[in-house]
């Protein structure tokens, strides 16, 4: 367990938008902090860029975030890590 815990060394911020829609159905409001978690962030090699099997959008994964169980992100959230904004396409 300690070996795995050492890999969760990146702080990732998960942001959500208010559930308010405009006249055209677009999300309104600014992104705000939902929660932060320690995670392992990996860039996937091209060979592993396959669609996720669980709750997912139809897209290939490019990054993998590994976290301990607990509060989990939703697909309507985004992850902010090291100045990069990552769109969530699957949660397993």
Protein backbone atom coordinates (compact mmCIF):
# COMPACT_ATOMS: atom_id res chain seq x y z
CA UNK A 1 0.00 0.00 0.00
CA UNK A 2 2.81 2.42 0.80
CA UNK A 3 4.33 1.90 -2.63
CA UNK A 4 1.06 2.90 -4.33
CA UNK A 5 0.59 5.92 -2.03
CA UNK A 6 3.95 7.33 -3.16
CA UNK A 7 2.70 7.43 -6.74
CA UNK A 8 -0.22 9.71 -5.86
CA UNK A 9 2.05 12.73 -5.88
CA UNK A 10 0.22 15.17 -8.16
CA UNK A 11 -2.39 17.59 -6.86
CA UNK A 12 -5.41 17.67 -9.20
CA UNK A 13 -8.22 20.20 -8.93
CA UNK A 14 -11.71 19.14 -10.05
CA UNK A 15 -14.01 21.96 -11.12
CA UNK A 16 -17.73 22.06 -11.87
CA UNK A 17 -20.14 24.57 -13.35
CA UNK A 18 -23.48 25.51 -11.81
CA UNK A 19 -26.40 23.52 -13.20
CA UNK A 20 -27.89 26.58 -14.89
CA UNK A 21 -28.69 26.54 -18.61
CA UNK A 22 -29.17 29.40 -21.05
CA UNK A 23 -31.93 29.70 -23.66
CA UNK A 24 -29.91 27.60 -26.13
CA UNK A 25 -29.17 24.90 -23.53
CA UNK A 26 -25.56 25.97 -22.97
CA UNK A 27 -24.04 25.83 -19.47
CA UNK A 28 -23.87 29.23 -17.83
CA UNK A 29 -21.55 30.38 -15.09
CA UNK A 30 -17.88 30.07 -14.30
CA UNK A 31 -16.02 26.93 -13.35
CA UNK A 32 -15.47 26.66 -9.59
CA UNK A 33 -13.63 24.26 -7.30
CA UNK A 34 -15.57 21.10 -6.47
CA UNK A 35 -12.70 19.30 -4.69
CA UNK A 36 -8.96 18.56 -4.89
CA UNK A 37 -7.33 15.12 -4.73
CA UNK A 38 -3.87 13.60 -4.80
CA UNK A 39 -3.51 11.50 -7.94
CA UNK A 40 -1.10 9.76 -10.26
CA UNK A 41 -1.24 11.39 -13.70
CA UNK A 42 0.01 9.39 -16.69
CA UNK A 43 0.18 10.19 -20.39
CA UNK A 44 -1.02 7.07 -22.19
CA UNK A 45 1.02 5.63 -25.04
CA UNK A 46 -0.82 5.59 -28.36
CA UNK A 47 -1.39 1.83 -28.11
CA UNK A 48 -3.46 2.28 -24.94
CA UNK A 49 -5.68 5.06 -26.30
CA UNK A 50 -8.82 2.90 -26.35
CA UNK A 51 -12.36 3.88 -25.37
CA UNK A 52 -13.10 3.39 -21.67
CA UNK A 53 -15.49 0.62 -20.70
CA UNK A 54 -17.40 2.21 -17.80
CA UNK A 55 -19.28 5.52 -17.60
CA UNK A 56 -17.75 7.26 -20.61
CA UNK A 57 -18.12 9.61 -23.52
CA UNK A 58 -17.27 8.31 -26.97
CA UNK A 59 -13.65 9.35 -27.06
CA UNK A 60 -10.21 7.86 -26.72
CA UNK A 61 -8.39 8.40 -23.45
CA UNK A 62 -5.16 10.37 -23.55
CA UNK A 63 -4.42 10.82 -19.84
CA UNK A 64 -5.12 8.49 -16.92
CA UNK A 65 -5.71 9.85 -13.43
CA UNK A 66 -5.48 7.29 -10.63
CA UNK A 67 -6.87 8.23 -7.21
CA UNK A 68 -7.90 6.53 -4.00
CA UNK A 69 -11.57 5.73 -3.48
CA UNK A 70 -13.67 8.53 -2.06
CA UNK A 71 -15.28 11.54 -3.70
CA UNK A 72 -15.28 10.79 -7.42
CA UNK A 73 -15.54 13.22 -10.32
CA UNK A 74 -18.50 13.32 -12.71
CA UNK A 75 -18.34 13.65 -16.49
CA UNK A 76 -19.69 17.20 -16.32
CA UNK A 77 -16.58 18.27 -14.37
CA UNK A 78 -13.10 19.06 -15.59
CA UNK A 79 -9.68 18.38 -14.07
CA UNK A 80 -7.00 21.06 -13.76
CA UNK A 81 -3.47 19.73 -13.34
CA UNK A 82 -0.13 21.53 -13.73
CA UNK A 83 -1.79 24.33 -15.70
CA UNK A 84 -3.55 21.90 -18.06
CA UNK A 85 -7.34 21.61 -18.32
CA UNK A 86 -8.40 18.01 -18.88
CA UNK A 87 -11.88 17.02 -20.10
CA UNK A 88 -13.18 13.97 -18.29
CA UNK A 89 -14.26 11.21 -20.69
CA UNK A 90 -14.63 8.29 -18.30
CA UNK A 91 -14.81 7.35 -14.65
CA UNK A 92 -14.05 3.74 -13.67
